[in-house]
Amino acid sequence: MADPAPTPLRRPRADQARLVADVVRHQIHAGGYPNGLPAESELAAEFLVSRNAVREALAVLKAEGLIDRDPKVGTHVAIRKYNHGLDSLVGLKETFKGYGEIRNDVRAAMTVAAPPSVANKLELSPGEPVVFIERLRYLGDLPLSLDMTYLARDVGEEVLEHSLESNDVFALIELVTGRRLGTAGLAVEAVSADPHSAAILQVPDSASLLLLERLTHLDDGRPVDLEYIRMRGDRITLRGNLIRGQ
């Protein structure tokens, strides 16, 4: 007995379009469609939705800048995102070593009084000196992230004796302390780019950014590095592998 034909997705067109856009978007991020996207009719048949729903989905992806559409050559991927893994504690240079050269524009490197919230996370007294570093980080000529880092003073002052333009701070911390990094706590949220950040990262005002707060400890448990990192949401995808516990 033959299997019954799949049932078309009978939902409002906007819901159909959102589903198609989400699946196709992540196919693009995963390296799919190297020779261009299928025709609207093929996508409609693949997802069991109307061609109008597919057309709406592709319009969303075009507005996001992910695809280009041309009646003569069809629909092609315009840009691809870079994967940033969440499975290991590595710096940006280590993360993107397969994509190209990471370079840093050091915007600030100084000793400041720790704000109470920063001091609390680094287990210091409010107002205690810490080293503050701000870097605009590029992949080739593409600005990817704006990183603000607070370091415990004894560690940070030694880090400042080395080149920040070409090194990850993580690697420098391990170099100057003679210890390995151990664990880090991470929080990620979506924020809109303020005009200043947008200009620095070369994105439109109110563009979506990924804001990471990361508190990193040495392998002896001491917190030494607190970072606030604004990543371009249009060029970076955070990925990780999850295991279900007992």
C-alpha atoms as a PDB file:
ATOM      1  CA  MET A   1       0.000   0.000   0.000  1.00  0.00           C
ATOM      2  CA  ALA A   2       1.468   3.345  -1.051  1.00  0.00           C
ATOM      3  CA  ASP A   3       2.153   6.002   1.559  1.00  0.00           C
ATOM      4  CA  PRO A   4      -0.455   8.777   1.574  1.00  0.00           C
ATOM      5  CA  ALA A   5       0.527  12.058  -0.046  1.00  0.00           C
ATOM      6  CA  PRO A   6       1.877  14.661   2.401  1.00  0.00           C
ATOM      7  CA  THR A   7      -0.743  17.117   3.610  1.00  0.00           C
ATOM      8  CA  PRO A   8      -0.162  20.732   2.545  1.00  0.00           C
ATOM      9  CA  LEU A   9       0.622  23.117   5.376  1.00  0.00           C
ATOM     10  CA  ARG A  10      -2.769  24.756   5.966  1.00  0.00           C
ATOM     11  CA  ARG A  11      -1.853  27.810   8.013  1.00  0.00           C
ATOM     12  CA  PRO A  12      -2.118  31.552   7.391  1.00  0.00           C
ATOM     13  CA  ARG A  13       0.271  32.696   4.664  1.00  0.00           C
ATOM     14  CA  ALA A  14       2.316  34.805   7.082  1.00  0.00           C
ATOM     15  CA  ASP A  15       2.942  31.715   9.228  1.00  0.00           C
ATOM     16  CA  GLN A  16       3.948  29.709   6.170  1.00  0.00           C
ATOM     17  CA  ALA A  17       6.308  32.451   5.033  1.00  0.00           C
ATOM     18  CA  ARG A  18       7.975  32.672   8.451  1.00  0.00           C
ATOM     19  CA  LEU A  19       8.571  28.915   8.500  1.00  0.00           C
ATOM     20  CA  VAL A  20      10.105  28.939   5.018  1.00  0.00           C
ATOM     21  CA  ALA A  21      12.276  31.961   5.819  1.00  0.00           C
ATOM     22  CA  ASP A  22      13.603  30.395   9.033  1.00  0.00           C
ATOM     23  CA  VAL A  23      14.528  27.077   7.439  1.00  0.00           C
ATOM     24  CA  VAL A  24      16.075  28.633   4.313  1.00  0.00           C
ATOM     25  CA  ARG A  25      17.968  31.191   6.412  1.00  0.00           C
ATOM     26  CA  HIS A  26      19.704  28.473   8.391  1.00  0.00           C
ATOM     27  CA  GLN A  27      20.339  26.435   5.271  1.00  0.00           C
ATOM     28  CA  ILE A  28      22.204  29.462   3.951  1.00  0.00           C
ATOM     29  CA  HIS A  29      24.152  29.804   7.206  1.00  0.00           C
ATOM     30  CA  ALA A  30      25.077  26.121   7.008  1.00  0.00           C
ATOM     31  CA  GLY A  31      26.586  26.593   3.528  1.00  0.00           C
ATOM     32  CA  GLY A  32      23.591  25.495   1.484  1.00  0.00           C
ATOM     33  CA  TYR A  33      22.580  26.646  -1.995  1.00  0.00           C
ATOM     34  CA  PRO A  34      26.078  27.184  -3.429  1.00  0.00           C
ATOM     35  CA  ASN A  35      24.598  27.320  -6.936  1.00  0.00           C
ATOM     36  CA  GLY A  36      21.603  29.450  -6.051  1.00  0.00           C
ATOM     37  CA  LEU A  37      18.240  28.859  -4.422  1.00  0.00           C
ATOM     38  CA  PRO A  38      15.604  26.660  -6.083  1.00  0.00           C
ATOM     39  CA  ALA A  39      12.801  28.292  -8.032  1.00  0.00           C
ATOM     40  CA  GLU A  40       9.748  29.514  -6.145  1.00  0.00           C
ATOM     41  CA  SER A  41       7.712  26.573  -7.430  1.00  0.00           C
ATOM     42  CA  GLU A  42      10.303  24.085  -6.166  1.00  0.00           C
ATOM     43  CA  LEU A  43      10.427  25.682  -2.730  1.00  0.00           C
ATOM     44  CA  ALA A  44       6.623  25.718  -2.588  1.00  0.00           C
ATOM     45  CA  ALA A  45       6.560  22.003  -3.360  1.00  0.00           C
ATOM     46  CA  GLU A  46       9.355  21.278  -0.879  1.00  0.00           C
ATOM     47  CA  PHE A  47       7.589  23.039   2.009  1.00  0.00           C
ATOM     48  CA  LEU A  48       4.013  22.244   0.890  1.00  0.00           C
ATOM     49  CA  VAL A  49       3.062  25.912   0.937  1.00  0.00           C
ATOM     50  CA  SER A  50       1.808  28.400  -1.622  1.00  0.00           C
ATOM     51  CA  ARG A  51       4.091  30.256  -4.001  1.00  0.00           C
ATOM     52  CA  ASN A  52       2.872  33.514  -2.464  1.00  0.00           C
ATOM     53  CA  ALA A  53       4.161  32.309   0.921  1.00  0.00           C
ATOM     54  CA  VAL A  54       7.538  31.482  -0.651  1.00  0.00           C
ATOM     55  CA  ARG A  55       7.623  34.885  -2.315  1.00  0.00           C
ATOM     56  CA  GLU A  56       7.012  36.575   1.042  1.00  0.00           C
ATOM     57  CA  ALA A  57       9.737  34.488   2.701  1.00  0.00           C
ATOM     58  CA  LEU A  58      12.266  35.392   0.020  1.00  0.00           C
ATOM     59  CA  ALA A  59      11.328  39.069   0.330  1.00  0.00           C
ATOM     60  CA  VAL A  60      12.180  38.862   4.052  1.00  0.00           C
ATOM     61  CA  LEU A  61      15.553  37.253   3.331  1.00  0.00           C
ATOM     62  CA  LYS A  62      16.297  39.851   0.656  1.00  0.00           C
ATOM     63  CA  ALA A  63      15.460  42.661   3.097  1.00  0.00           C
ATOM     64  CA  GLU A  64      17.923  41.071   5.555  1.00  0.00           C
ATOM     65  CA  GLY A  65      20.596  41.209   2.854  1.00  0.00           C
ATOM     66  CA  LEU A  66      21.045  37.422   2.745  1.00  0.00           C
ATOM     67  CA  ILE A  67      19.973  36.908  -0.866  1.00  0.00           C
ATOM     68  CA  ASP A  68      19.928  38.744  -4.178  1.00  0.00           C
ATOM     69  CA  ARG A  69      17.093  38.252  -6.681  1.00  0.00           C
ATOM     70  CA  ASP A  70      17.359  38.908 -10.402  1.00  0.00           C
ATOM     71  CA  PRO A  71      14.805  37.804 -13.012  1.00  0.00           C
ATOM     72  CA  LYS A  72      17.618  36.854 -15.397  1.00  0.00           C
ATOM     73  CA  VAL A  73      19.894  34.857 -13.057  1.00  0.00           C
ATOM     74  CA  GLY A  74      17.516  33.767 -10.289  1.00  0.00           C
ATOM     75  CA  THR A  75      18.017  33.945  -6.524  1.00  0.00           C
ATOM     76  CA  HIS A  76      21.505  33.645  -5.038  1.00  0.00           C
ATOM     77  CA  VAL A  77      23.111  33.921  -1.624  1.00  0.00           C
ATOM     78  CA  ALA A  78      24.490  37.447  -1.086  1.00  0.00           C
ATOM     79  CA  ILE A  79      26.385  36.954   2.187  1.00  0.00           C
ATOM     80  CA  ARG A  80      27.092  34.109   4.557  1.00  0.00           C
ATOM     81  CA  LYS A  81      27.541  34.217   8.304  1.00  0.00           C
ATOM     82  CA  TYR A  82      30.534  33.004  10.274  1.00  0.00           C
ATOM     83  CA  ASN A  83      30.004  30.357  12.930  1.00  0.00           C
ATOM     84  CA  HIS A  84      31.115  31.207  16.456  1.00  0.00           C
ATOM     85  CA  GLY A  85      31.169  28.049  18.559  1.00  0.00           C
ATOM     86  CA  LEU A  86      29.946  27.896  22.140  1.00  0.00           C
ATOM     87  CA  ASP A  87      31.505  24.517  22.951  1.00  0.00           C
ATOM     88  CA  SER A  88      34.953  25.678  24.054  1.00  0.00           C
ATOM     89  CA  LEU A  89      36.644  28.652  25.687  1.00  0.00           C
ATOM     90  CA  VAL A  90      38.580  30.283  22.850  1.00  0.00           C
ATOM     91  CA  GLY A  91      39.305  33.793  21.642  1.00  0.00           C
ATOM     92  CA  LEU A  92      38.098  35.302  18.378  1.00  0.00           C
ATOM     93  CA  LYS A  93      41.424  34.711  16.619  1.00  0.00           C
ATOM     94  CA  GLU A  94      41.275  31.009  17.527  1.00  0.00           C
ATOM     95  CA  THR A  95      37.595  30.805  16.598  1.00  0.00           C
ATOM     96  CA  PHE A  96      37.958  32.302  13.119  1.00  0.00           C
ATOM     97  CA  LYS A  97      41.399  30.971  12.181  1.00  0.00           C
ATOM     98  CA  GLY A  98      39.858  29.099   9.252  1.00  0.00           C
ATOM     99  CA  TYR A  99      38.137  32.182   7.859  1.00  0.00           C
ATOM    100  CA  GLY A 100      40.986  34.673   7.603  1.00  0.00           C
ATOM    101  CA  GLU A 101      43.107  37.111   9.570  1.00  0.00           C
ATOM    102  CA  ILE A 102      41.753  38.687  12.749  1.00  0.00           C
ATOM    103  CA  ARG A 103      43.176  42.100  13.570  1.00  0.00           C
ATOM    104  CA  ASN A 104      42.352  44.483  16.380  1.00  0.00           C
ATOM    105  CA  ASP A 105      41.968  48.247  16.421  1.00  0.00           C
ATOM    106  CA  VAL A 106      42.752  49.120  20.050  1.00  0.00           C
ATOM    107  CA  ARG A 107      40.460  52.037  20.962  1.00  0.00           C
ATOM    108  CA  ALA A 108      41.364  52.203  24.660  1.00  0.00           C
ATOM    109  CA  ALA A 109      43.823  50.558  27.068  1.00  0.00           C
ATOM    110  CA  MET A 110      44.021  52.092  30.531  1.00  0.00           C
ATOM    111  CA  THR A 111      43.682  51.592  34.258  1.00  0.00           C
ATOM    112  CA  VAL A 112      40.297  52.660  35.659  1.00  0.00           C
ATOM    113  CA  ALA A 113      38.367  52.385  38.913  1.00  0.00           C
ATOM    114  CA  ALA A 114      36.159  49.292  38.826  1.00  0.00           C
ATOM    115  CA  PRO A 115      32.415  50.094  38.837  1.00  0.00           C
ATOM    116  CA  PRO A 116      30.655  48.191  41.635  1.00  0.00           C
ATOM    117  CA  SER A 117      29.071  45.631  39.290  1.00  0.00           C
ATOM    118  CA  VAL A 118      32.414  44.925  37.610  1.00  0.00           C
ATOM    119  CA  ALA A 119      34.223  44.715  40.937  1.00  0.00           C
ATOM    120  CA  ASN A 120      31.615  42.285  42.251  1.00  0.00           C
ATOM    121  CA  LYS A 121      32.060  39.910  39.325  1.00  0.00           C
ATOM    122  CA  LEU A 122      35.866  40.052  39.546  1.00  0.00           C
ATOM    123  CA  GLU A 123      35.676  39.615  43.344  1.00  0.00           C
ATOM    124  CA  LEU A 124      37.287  42.993  44.001  1.00  0.00           C
ATOM    125  CA  SER A 125      36.357  45.987  46.125  1.00  0.00           C
ATOM    126  CA  PRO A 126      34.332  48.734  44.400  1.00  0.00           C
ATOM    127  CA  GLY A 127      36.663  51.363  42.978  1.00  0.00           C
ATOM    128  CA  GLU A 128      39.665  49.043  43.017  1.00  0.00           C
ATOM    129  CA  PRO A 129      41.884  49.593  39.952  1.00  0.00           C
ATOM    130  CA  VAL A 130      41.307  47.337  36.950  1.00  0.00           C
ATOM    131  CA  VAL A 131      42.630  47.417  33.400  1.00  0.00           C
ATOM    132  CA  PHE A 132      40.087  48.390  30.745  1.00  0.00           C
ATOM    133  CA  ILE A 133      40.603  47.508  27.073  1.00  0.00           C
ATOM    134  CA  GLU A 134      38.318  48.306  24.148  1.00  0.00           C
ATOM    135  CA  ARG A 135      38.989  46.786  20.738  1.00  0.00           C
ATOM    136  CA  LEU A 136      37.245  46.897  17.386  1.00  0.00           C
ATOM    137  CA  ARG A 137      37.895  43.486  15.887  1.00  0.00           C
ATOM    138  CA  TYR A 138      38.104  42.844  12.157  1.00  0.00           C
ATOM    139  CA  LEU A 139      38.052  39.754   9.999  1.00  0.00           C
ATOM    140  CA  GLY A 140      40.074  41.045   7.072  1.00  0.00           C
ATOM    141  CA  ASP A 141      38.447  44.412   6.379  1.00  0.00           C
ATOM    142  CA  LEU A 142      35.078  43.454   7.899  1.00  0.00           C
ATOM    143  CA  PRO A 143      34.364  44.832  11.408  1.00  0.00           C
ATOM    144  CA  LEU A 144      32.874  41.913  13.368  1.00  0.00           C
ATOM    145  CA  SER A 145      32.750  42.899  17.022  1.00  0.00           C
ATOM    146  CA  LEU A 146      33.316  45.676  19.524  1.00  0.00           C
ATOM    147  CA  ASP A 147      34.862  44.221  22.688  1.00  0.00           C
ATOM    148  CA  MET A 148      35.097  45.890  26.102  1.00  0.00           C
ATOM    149  CA  THR A 149      37.271  43.981  28.573  1.00  0.00           C
ATOM    150  CA  TYR A 150      37.943  44.467  32.284  1.00  0.00           C
ATOM    151  CA  LEU A 151      40.978  42.626  33.664  1.00  0.00           C
ATOM    152  CA  ALA A 152      42.190  42.188  37.228  1.00  0.00           C
ATOM    153  CA  ARG A 153      44.931  44.793  37.607  1.00  0.00           C
ATOM    154  CA  ASP A 154      47.917  42.482  38.195  1.00  0.00           C
ATOM    155  CA  VAL A 155      47.022  40.426  35.135  1.00  0.00           C
ATOM    156  CA  GLY A 156      45.956  43.363  32.972  1.00  0.00           C
ATOM    157  CA  GLU A 157      49.104  45.409  33.516  1.00  0.00           C
ATOM    158  CA  GLU A 158      51.217  42.525  32.260  1.00  0.00           C
ATOM    159  CA  VAL A 159      48.862  41.954  29.331  1.00  0.00           C
ATOM    160  CA  LEU A 160      49.370  45.598  28.295  1.00  0.00           C
ATOM    161  CA  GLU A 161      53.085  44.930  27.857  1.00  0.00           C
ATOM    162  CA  HIS A 162      52.250  42.796  24.804  1.00  0.00           C
ATOM    163  CA  SER A 163      50.718  43.584  21.433  1.00  0.00           C
ATOM    164  CA  LEU A 164      46.934  43.828  21.583  1.00  0.00           C
ATOM    165  CA  GLU A 165      46.640  44.456  17.847  1.00  0.00           C
ATOM    166  CA  SER A 166      47.505  40.895  16.848  1.00  0.00           C
ATOM    167  CA  ASN A 167      46.857  38.740  19.929  1.00  0.00           C
ATOM    168  CA  ASP A 168      43.789  37.370  21.698  1.00  0.00           C
ATOM    169  CA  VAL A 169      43.565  38.562  25.299  1.00  0.00           C
ATOM    170  CA  PHE A 170      42.911  34.944  26.332  1.00  0.00           C
ATOM    171  CA  ALA A 171      46.273  33.846  24.970  1.00  0.00           C
ATOM    172  CA  LEU A 172      48.008  36.758  26.683  1.00  0.00           C
ATOM    173  CA  ILE A 173      46.367  35.972  30.040  1.00  0.00           C
ATOM    174  CA  GLU A 174      47.707  32.430  29.893  1.00  0.00           C
ATOM    175  CA  LEU A 175      51.123  33.731  28.853  1.00  0.00           C
ATOM    176  CA  VAL A 176      51.512  36.242  31.664  1.00  0.00           C
ATOM    177  CA  THR A 177      49.967  34.135  34.445  1.00  0.00           C
ATOM    178  CA  GLY A 178      51.529  30.820  33.468  1.00  0.00           C
ATOM    179  CA  ARG A 179      48.118  29.233  34.067  1.00  0.00           C
ATOM    180  CA  ARG A 180      45.423  27.850  31.810  1.00  0.00           C
ATOM    181  CA  LEU A 181      42.004  29.406  31.612  1.00  0.00           C
ATOM    182  CA  GLY A 182      39.413  27.243  33.278  1.00  0.00           C
ATOM    183  CA  THR A 183      35.739  28.097  32.960  1.00  0.00           C
ATOM    184  CA  ALA A 184      33.579  30.996  31.856  1.00  0.00           C
ATOM    185  CA  GLY A 185      30.004  32.080  32.470  1.00  0.00           C
ATOM    186  CA  LEU A 186      28.243  33.388  29.370  1.00  0.00           C
ATOM    187  CA  ALA A 187      25.057  35.366  28.790  1.00  0.00           C
ATOM    188  CA  VAL A 188      23.823  36.315  25.311  1.00  0.00           C
ATOM    189  CA  GLU A 189      21.043  38.684  24.352  1.00  0.00           C
ATOM    190  CA  ALA A 190      19.920  40.583  21.268  1.00  0.00           C
ATOM    191  CA  VAL A 191      20.200  44.382  21.378  1.00  0.00           C
ATOM    192  CA  SER A 192      19.691  47.158  18.867  1.00  0.00           C
ATOM    193  CA  ALA A 193      22.764  49.035  17.713  1.00  0.00           C
ATOM    194  CA  ASP A 194      22.942  52.538  19.138  1.00  0.00           C
ATOM    195  CA  PRO A 195      24.079  55.156  16.577  1.00  0.00           C
ATOM    196  CA  HIS A 196      27.667  55.202  17.889  1.00  0.00           C
ATOM    197  CA  SER A 197      28.082  51.419  17.875  1.00  0.00           C
ATOM    198  CA  ALA A 198      26.366  51.214  14.485  1.00  0.00           C
ATOM    199  CA  ALA A 199      28.843  53.669  12.975  1.00  0.00           C
ATOM    200  CA  ILE A 200      31.820  51.794  14.423  1.00  0.00           C
ATOM    201  CA  LEU A 201      30.582  48.371  13.269  1.00  0.00           C
ATOM    202  CA  GLN A 202      29.366  49.757   9.913  1.00  0.00           C
ATOM    203  CA  VAL A 203      25.771  48.597  10.304  1.00  0.00           C
ATOM    204  CA  PRO A 204      22.495  50.544  10.092  1.00  0.00           C
ATOM    205  CA  ASP A 205      21.183  52.281  13.214  1.00  0.00           C
ATOM    206  CA  SER A 206      19.089  49.872  15.303  1.00  0.00           C
ATOM    207  CA  ALA A 207      20.536  46.841  13.499  1.00  0.00           C
ATOM    208  CA  SER A 208      20.464  43.655  15.563  1.00  0.00           C
ATOM    209  CA  LEU A 209      23.610  42.934  17.551  1.00  0.00           C
ATOM    210  CA  LEU A 210      24.501  39.995  19.767  1.00  0.00           C
ATOM    211  CA  LEU A 211      25.606  41.243  23.178  1.00  0.00           C
ATOM    212  CA  LEU A 212      27.733  38.754  25.109  1.00  0.00           C
ATOM    213  CA  GLU A 213      28.697  39.082  28.752  1.00  0.00           C
ATOM    214  CA  ARG A 214      31.482  36.612  29.552  1.00  0.00           C
ATOM    215  CA  LEU A 215      33.228  36.191  32.893  1.00  0.00           C
ATOM    216  CA  THR A 216      36.334  34.015  32.572  1.00  0.00           C
ATOM    217  CA  HIS A 217      38.230  32.276  35.372  1.00  0.00           C
ATOM    218  CA  LEU A 218      41.699  30.816  35.592  1.00  0.00           C
ATOM    219  CA  ASP A 219      41.931  27.081  36.180  1.00  0.00           C
ATOM    220  CA  ASP A 220      42.286  27.763  39.915  1.00  0.00           C
ATOM    221  CA  GLY A 221      38.853  29.415  39.930  1.00  0.00           C
ATOM    222  CA  ARG A 222      39.980  33.050  40.126  1.00  0.00           C
ATOM    223  CA  PRO A 223      37.879  35.429  37.950  1.00  0.00           C
ATOM    224  CA  VAL A 224      40.237  37.583  35.889  1.00  0.00           C
ATOM    225  CA  ASP A 225      38.455  38.683  32.700  1.00  0.00           C
ATOM    226  CA  LEU A 226      35.018  40.306  32.314  1.00  0.00           C
ATOM    227  CA  GLU A 227      33.958  41.109  28.755  1.00  0.00           C
ATOM    228  CA  TYR A 228      31.065  42.860  27.097  1.00  0.00           C
ATOM    229  CA  ILE A 229      31.134  42.008  23.393  1.00  0.00           C
ATOM    230  CA  ARG A 230      28.876  43.434  20.696  1.00  0.00           C
ATOM    231  CA  MET A 231      28.870  41.115  17.675  1.00  0.00           C
ATOM    232  CA  ARG A 232      27.269  41.816  14.317  1.00  0.00           C
ATOM    233  CA  GLY A 233      24.114  39.736  14.203  1.00  0.00           C
ATOM    234  CA  ASP A 234      24.115  39.859  10.403  1.00  0.00           C
ATOM    235  CA  ARG A 235      27.513  38.166  10.111  1.00  0.00           C
ATOM    236  CA  ILE A 236      27.848  35.822  13.101  1.00  0.00           C
ATOM    237  CA  THR A 237      25.850  32.768  14.165  1.00  0.00           C
ATOM    238  CA  LEU A 238      26.406  31.299  17.614  1.00  0.00           C
ATOM    239  CA  ARG A 239      26.446  27.503  17.521  1.00  0.00           C
ATOM    240  CA  GLY A 240      26.884  24.792  20.118  1.00  0.00           C
ATOM    241  CA  ASN A 241      26.278  21.109  20.746  1.00  0.00           C
ATOM    242  CA  LEU A 242      23.967  20.274  23.630  1.00  0.00           C
ATOM    243  CA  ILE A 243      23.735  17.049  25.612  1.00  0.00           C
ATOM    244  CA  ARG A 244      20.608  16.130  27.558  1.00  0.00           C
ATOM    245  CA  GLY A 245      21.450  15.364  31.157  1.00  0.00           C
ATOM    246  CA  GLN A 246      20.189  12.486  33.239  1.00  0.00           C
END
